[in-house]
Amino acid sequence: MIDTEAEVQAEFAGRTDALDPAIPLVSWQAGHWSDRLGRFDIVHDDSETVTRWAEELVIADDGEQQPRARKTLTVGDVSITLPWEVRGVRFAQSHRDSRLQIADLIAGSAAHLYAVALDLRPSDAFGEALQNLQVDAFIQHVVGPQWPIGGRARLG
């Protein structure tokens, strides 16, 4: 068991971004959208972490004409859809790209609703409005406490 700061530093020395949730979250989302959209490009905000891993996220071969077989990674009871249809990753500044602005709005709203559902933040009118708009439907593949049983936020 790792129980001292020195042991943590030794364990993760040389592991770039080992504890950063950005890469699994982008990968899970890219896997989901591979299923929904087929071949597509990711547009991401300027992120040093995602920039370092962008080439690893690109699995689709642009020269292929036919849809590819779905790719998954299964370990025990957990199965993850890999980002098998990502053609490329491009970067933009959030304040200059309307697609990233709407993504930021949805992500912030989902984070607020998730915190309310887990009692990490008190229930409020904003959280109730977000639930009425079904923002919780956008919450997928969270890193942190599990979403309440039933998949819906319990507000109030």
C-alpha atoms as a PDB file:
ATOM      1  CA  MET A   1       0.000   0.000   0.000  1.00  0.00           C
ATOM      2  CA  ILE A   2       1.237   3.452  -0.868  1.00  0.00           C
ATOM      3  CA  ASP A   3       0.860   5.580   2.239  1.00  0.00           C
ATOM      4  CA  THR A   4       3.541   8.250   2.151  1.00  0.00           C
ATOM      5  CA  GLU A   5       4.138  11.163  -0.190  1.00  0.00           C
ATOM      6  CA  ALA A   6       7.579   9.779  -1.042  1.00  0.00           C
ATOM      7  CA  GLU A   7       6.074   6.429  -2.074  1.00  0.00           C
ATOM      8  CA  VAL A   8       3.493   8.179  -4.289  1.00  0.00           C
ATOM      9  CA  GLN A   9       6.232  10.231  -5.944  1.00  0.00           C
ATOM     10  CA  ALA A  10       8.373   7.141  -6.499  1.00  0.00           C
ATOM     11  CA  GLU A  11       5.450   5.127  -7.915  1.00  0.00           C
ATOM     12  CA  PHE A  12       4.435   7.790 -10.411  1.00  0.00           C
ATOM     13  CA  ALA A  13       7.876   9.180 -11.309  1.00  0.00           C
ATOM     14  CA  GLY A  14       8.188   9.175 -15.084  1.00  0.00           C
ATOM     15  CA  ARG A  15       4.487   8.521 -15.686  1.00  0.00           C
ATOM     16  CA  THR A  16       3.204  11.481 -17.638  1.00  0.00           C
ATOM     17  CA  ASP A  17      -0.379  12.383 -16.712  1.00  0.00           C
ATOM     18  CA  ALA A  18      -0.879   9.141 -14.744  1.00  0.00           C
ATOM     19  CA  LEU A  19      -3.488  10.654 -12.420  1.00  0.00           C
ATOM     20  CA  ASP A  20      -5.030  13.191 -14.818  1.00  0.00           C
ATOM     21  CA  PRO A  21      -8.672  12.277 -15.607  1.00  0.00           C
ATOM     22  CA  ALA A  22      -8.656  14.204 -18.912  1.00  0.00           C
ATOM     23  CA  ILE A  23      -7.426  11.333 -21.063  1.00  0.00           C
ATOM     24  CA  PRO A  24      -9.851   8.622 -19.876  1.00  0.00           C
ATOM     25  CA  LEU A  25     -12.725  11.114 -20.102  1.00  0.00           C
ATOM     26  CA  VAL A  26     -11.833  12.206 -23.649  1.00  0.00           C
ATOM     27  CA  SER A  27     -11.270   8.580 -24.644  1.00  0.00           C
ATOM     28  CA  TRP A  28     -14.627   7.421 -23.208  1.00  0.00           C
ATOM     29  CA  GLN A  29     -16.451  10.281 -24.905  1.00  0.00           C
ATOM     30  CA  ALA A  30     -14.663   9.589 -28.195  1.00  0.00           C
ATOM     31  CA  GLY A  31     -15.672   5.919 -27.933  1.00  0.00           C
ATOM     32  CA  HIS A  32     -19.302   6.917 -27.336  1.00  0.00           C
ATOM     33  CA  TRP A  33     -19.304   9.305 -30.312  1.00  0.00           C
ATOM     34  CA  SER A  34     -17.556   6.699 -32.494  1.00  0.00           C
ATOM     35  CA  ASP A  35     -20.667   4.567 -31.992  1.00  0.00           C
ATOM     36  CA  ARG A  36     -23.061   7.466 -32.599  1.00  0.00           C
ATOM     37  CA  LEU A  37     -21.352   9.350 -35.454  1.00  0.00           C
ATOM     38  CA  GLY A  38     -18.935   7.066 -37.216  1.00  0.00           C
ATOM     39  CA  ARG A  39     -15.743   8.780 -38.361  1.00  0.00           C
ATOM     40  CA  PHE A  40     -15.239  12.255 -36.838  1.00  0.00           C
ATOM     41  CA  ASP A  41     -12.693  14.806 -35.619  1.00  0.00           C
ATOM     42  CA  ILE A  42     -12.357  15.961 -32.022  1.00  0.00           C
ATOM     43  CA  VAL A  43     -12.203  19.691 -31.369  1.00  0.00           C
ATOM     44  CA  HIS A  44     -10.772  20.253 -27.888  1.00  0.00           C
ATOM     45  CA  ASP A  45      -9.813  23.324 -25.908  1.00  0.00           C
ATOM     46  CA  ASP A  46      -6.153  24.117 -25.492  1.00  0.00           C
ATOM     47  CA  SER A  47      -5.073  21.404 -23.071  1.00  0.00           C
ATOM     48  CA  GLU A  48      -1.484  20.400 -22.495  1.00  0.00           C
ATOM     49  CA  THR A  49      -2.535  16.933 -21.353  1.00  0.00           C
ATOM     50  CA  VAL A  50      -4.764  16.211 -24.347  1.00  0.00           C
ATOM     51  CA  THR A  51      -2.128  17.684 -26.692  1.00  0.00           C
ATOM     52  CA  ARG A  52       0.436  15.189 -25.363  1.00  0.00           C
ATOM     53  CA  TRP A  53      -1.950  12.269 -25.974  1.00  0.00           C
ATOM     54  CA  ALA A  54      -3.694  13.437 -29.180  1.00  0.00           C
ATOM     55  CA  GLU A  55      -1.862  11.004 -31.456  1.00  0.00           C
ATOM     56  CA  GLU A  56      -2.829   8.093 -29.203  1.00  0.00           C
ATOM     57  CA  LEU A  57      -6.532   9.006 -29.540  1.00  0.00           C
ATOM     58  CA  VAL A  58      -6.459   8.795 -33.341  1.00  0.00           C
ATOM     59  CA  ILE A  59      -7.239   5.226 -34.355  1.00  0.00           C
ATOM     60  CA  ALA A  60      -9.228   5.564 -37.607  1.00  0.00           C
ATOM     61  CA  ASP A  61      -7.342   5.445 -40.874  1.00  0.00           C
ATOM     62  CA  ASP A  62      -8.514   8.302 -43.093  1.00  0.00           C
ATOM     63  CA  GLY A  63      -7.845   6.211 -46.204  1.00  0.00           C
ATOM     64  CA  GLU A  64     -10.419   3.581 -45.231  1.00  0.00           C
ATOM     65  CA  GLN A  65     -13.722   3.811 -47.089  1.00  0.00           C
ATOM     66  CA  GLN A  66     -15.795   1.248 -45.200  1.00  0.00           C
ATOM     67  CA  PRO A  67     -16.983   1.594 -41.605  1.00  0.00           C
ATOM     68  CA  ARG A  68     -14.697  -0.233 -39.223  1.00  0.00           C
ATOM     69  CA  ALA A  69     -15.621  -2.869 -36.657  1.00  0.00           C
ATOM     70  CA  ARG A  70     -16.382  -1.526 -33.193  1.00  0.00           C
ATOM     71  CA  LYS A  71     -13.443  -1.906 -30.822  1.00  0.00           C
ATOM     72  CA  THR A  72     -13.814  -2.516 -27.109  1.00  0.00           C
ATOM     73  CA  LEU A  73     -11.560  -3.277 -24.177  1.00  0.00           C
ATOM     74  CA  THR A  74     -13.036  -5.619 -21.581  1.00  0.00           C
ATOM     75  CA  VAL A  75     -11.526  -6.364 -18.188  1.00  0.00           C
ATOM     76  CA  GLY A  76     -13.748  -8.437 -15.936  1.00  0.00           C
ATOM     77  CA  ASP A  77     -17.216  -6.884 -15.864  1.00  0.00           C
ATOM     78  CA  VAL A  78     -16.062  -3.543 -17.289  1.00  0.00           C
ATOM     79  CA  SER A  79     -16.203  -2.945 -21.030  1.00  0.00           C
ATOM     80  CA  ILE A  80     -15.007   0.308 -22.603  1.00  0.00           C
ATOM     81  CA  THR A  81     -15.667   1.330 -26.194  1.00  0.00           C
ATOM     82  CA  LEU A  82     -12.421   2.598 -27.671  1.00  0.00           C
ATOM     83  CA  PRO A  83     -12.322   5.762 -29.821  1.00  0.00           C
ATOM     84  CA  TRP A  84     -12.176   3.665 -32.991  1.00  0.00           C
ATOM     85  CA  GLU A  85     -13.497   6.269 -35.439  1.00  0.00           C
ATOM     86  CA  VAL A  86     -11.470   9.349 -34.436  1.00  0.00           C
ATOM     87  CA  ARG A  87      -9.711  10.808 -37.512  1.00  0.00           C
ATOM     88  CA  GLY A  88      -7.904  13.607 -35.749  1.00  0.00           C
ATOM     89  CA  VAL A  89      -7.744  15.978 -32.801  1.00  0.00           C
ATOM     90  CA  ARG A  90      -7.737  19.734 -33.344  1.00  0.00           C
ATOM     91  CA  PHE A  91      -7.352  22.414 -30.719  1.00  0.00           C
ATOM     92  CA  ALA A  92      -9.067  25.773 -30.343  1.00  0.00           C
ATOM     93  CA  GLN A  93      -9.525  28.448 -27.735  1.00  0.00           C
ATOM     94  CA  SER A  94     -12.779  28.091 -25.888  1.00  0.00           C
ATOM     95  CA  HIS A  95     -13.598  31.787 -25.963  1.00  0.00           C
ATOM     96  CA  ARG A  96     -13.243  31.842 -29.771  1.00  0.00           C
ATOM     97  CA  ASP A  97     -15.045  28.647 -30.757  1.00  0.00           C
ATOM     98  CA  SER A  98     -18.818  28.393 -30.305  1.00  0.00           C
ATOM     99  CA  ARG A  99     -18.688  24.558 -30.266  1.00  0.00           C
ATOM    100  CA  LEU A 100     -16.378  24.639 -27.264  1.00  0.00           C
ATOM    101  CA  GLN A 101     -18.510  27.307 -25.580  1.00  0.00           C
ATOM    102  CA  ILE A 102     -21.608  25.098 -25.737  1.00  0.00           C
ATOM    103  CA  ALA A 103     -19.558  22.101 -24.545  1.00  0.00           C
ATOM    104  CA  ASP A 104     -18.321  24.176 -21.579  1.00  0.00           C
ATOM    105  CA  LEU A 105     -21.908  25.196 -20.787  1.00  0.00           C
ATOM    106  CA  ILE A 106     -23.146  21.596 -20.847  1.00  0.00           C
ATOM    107  CA  ALA A 107     -20.144  20.313 -18.858  1.00  0.00           C
ATOM    108  CA  GLY A 108     -20.548  23.001 -16.192  1.00  0.00           C
ATOM    109  CA  SER A 109     -24.278  22.343 -15.941  1.00  0.00           C
ATOM    110  CA  ALA A 110     -23.730  18.594 -15.681  1.00  0.00           C
ATOM    111  CA  ALA A 111     -21.066  19.106 -12.990  1.00  0.00           C
ATOM    112  CA  HIS A 112     -23.466  21.284 -10.983  1.00  0.00           C
ATOM    113  CA  LEU A 113     -26.283  18.735 -11.283  1.00  0.00           C
ATOM    114  CA  TYR A 114     -23.936  15.853 -10.419  1.00  0.00           C
ATOM    115  CA  ALA A 115     -22.739  17.662  -7.279  1.00  0.00           C
ATOM    116  CA  VAL A 116     -26.350  18.292  -6.210  1.00  0.00           C
ATOM    117  CA  ALA A 117     -27.285  14.642  -6.844  1.00  0.00           C
ATOM    118  CA  LEU A 118     -24.415  13.448  -4.636  1.00  0.00           C
ATOM    119  CA  ASP A 119     -25.221  15.963  -1.870  1.00  0.00           C
ATOM    120  CA  LEU A 120     -21.897  17.691  -2.445  1.00  0.00           C
ATOM    121  CA  ARG A 121     -23.813  20.905  -3.091  1.00  0.00           C
ATOM    122  CA  PRO A 122     -27.214  21.886  -1.699  1.00  0.00           C
ATOM    123  CA  SER A 123     -30.271  21.482  -3.900  1.00  0.00           C
ATOM    124  CA  ASP A 124     -31.241  24.743  -5.548  1.00  0.00           C
ATOM    125  CA  ALA A 125     -33.510  26.147  -8.242  1.00  0.00           C
ATOM    126  CA  PHE A 126     -30.685  25.986 -10.806  1.00  0.00           C
ATOM    127  CA  GLY A 127     -30.145  22.270 -10.148  1.00  0.00           C
ATOM    128  CA  GLU A 128     -33.870  21.585 -10.384  1.00  0.00           C
ATOM    129  CA  ALA A 129     -34.059  23.500 -13.672  1.00  0.00           C
ATOM    130  CA  LEU A 130     -31.120  21.477 -15.013  1.00  0.00           C
ATOM    131  CA  GLN A 131     -32.863  18.253 -14.028  1.00  0.00           C
ATOM    132  CA  ASN A 132     -36.070  19.408 -15.744  1.00  0.00           C
ATOM    133  CA  LEU A 133     -34.000  20.030 -18.891  1.00  0.00           C
ATOM    134  CA  GLN A 134     -32.624  16.463 -18.520  1.00  0.00           C
ATOM    135  CA  VAL A 135     -29.017  17.621 -18.386  1.00  0.00           C
ATOM    136  CA  ASP A 136     -28.278  14.432 -16.428  1.00  0.00           C
ATOM    137  CA  ALA A 137     -28.636  12.548 -19.733  1.00  0.00           C
ATOM    138  CA  PHE A 138     -25.280  14.088 -20.725  1.00  0.00           C
ATOM    139  CA  ILE A 139     -23.463  12.646 -17.702  1.00  0.00           C
ATOM    140  CA  GLN A 140     -21.502   9.619 -18.912  1.00  0.00           C
ATOM    141  CA  HIS A 141     -18.357   7.890 -17.664  1.00  0.00           C
ATOM    142  CA  VAL A 142     -17.747   9.951 -14.567  1.00  0.00           C
ATOM    143  CA  VAL A 143     -14.510   9.902 -12.629  1.00  0.00           C
ATOM    144  CA  GLY A 144     -15.476   9.974  -8.984  1.00  0.00           C
ATOM    145  CA  PRO A 145     -18.399   8.677  -6.921  1.00  0.00           C
ATOM    146  CA  GLN A 146     -20.927   6.592  -8.806  1.00  0.00           C
ATOM    147  CA  TRP A 147     -24.127   8.184 -10.066  1.00  0.00           C
ATOM    148  CA  PRO A 148     -27.141   7.320  -7.877  1.00  0.00           C
ATOM    149  CA  ILE A 149     -28.943   4.037  -8.571  1.00  0.00           C
ATOM    150  CA  GLY A 150     -31.533   4.516 -11.287  1.00  0.00           C
ATOM    151  CA  GLY A 151     -29.415   6.982 -13.238  1.00  0.00           C
ATOM    152  CA  ARG A 152     -31.396  10.089 -12.275  1.00  0.00           C
ATOM    153  CA  ALA A 153     -30.461  12.855  -9.910  1.00  0.00           C
ATOM    154  CA  ARG A 154     -32.467  13.091  -6.733  1.00  0.00           C
ATOM    155  CA  LEU A 155     -32.884  16.748  -5.965  1.00  0.00           C
ATOM    156  CA  GLY A 156     -34.543  18.344  -2.950  1.00  0.00           C
END
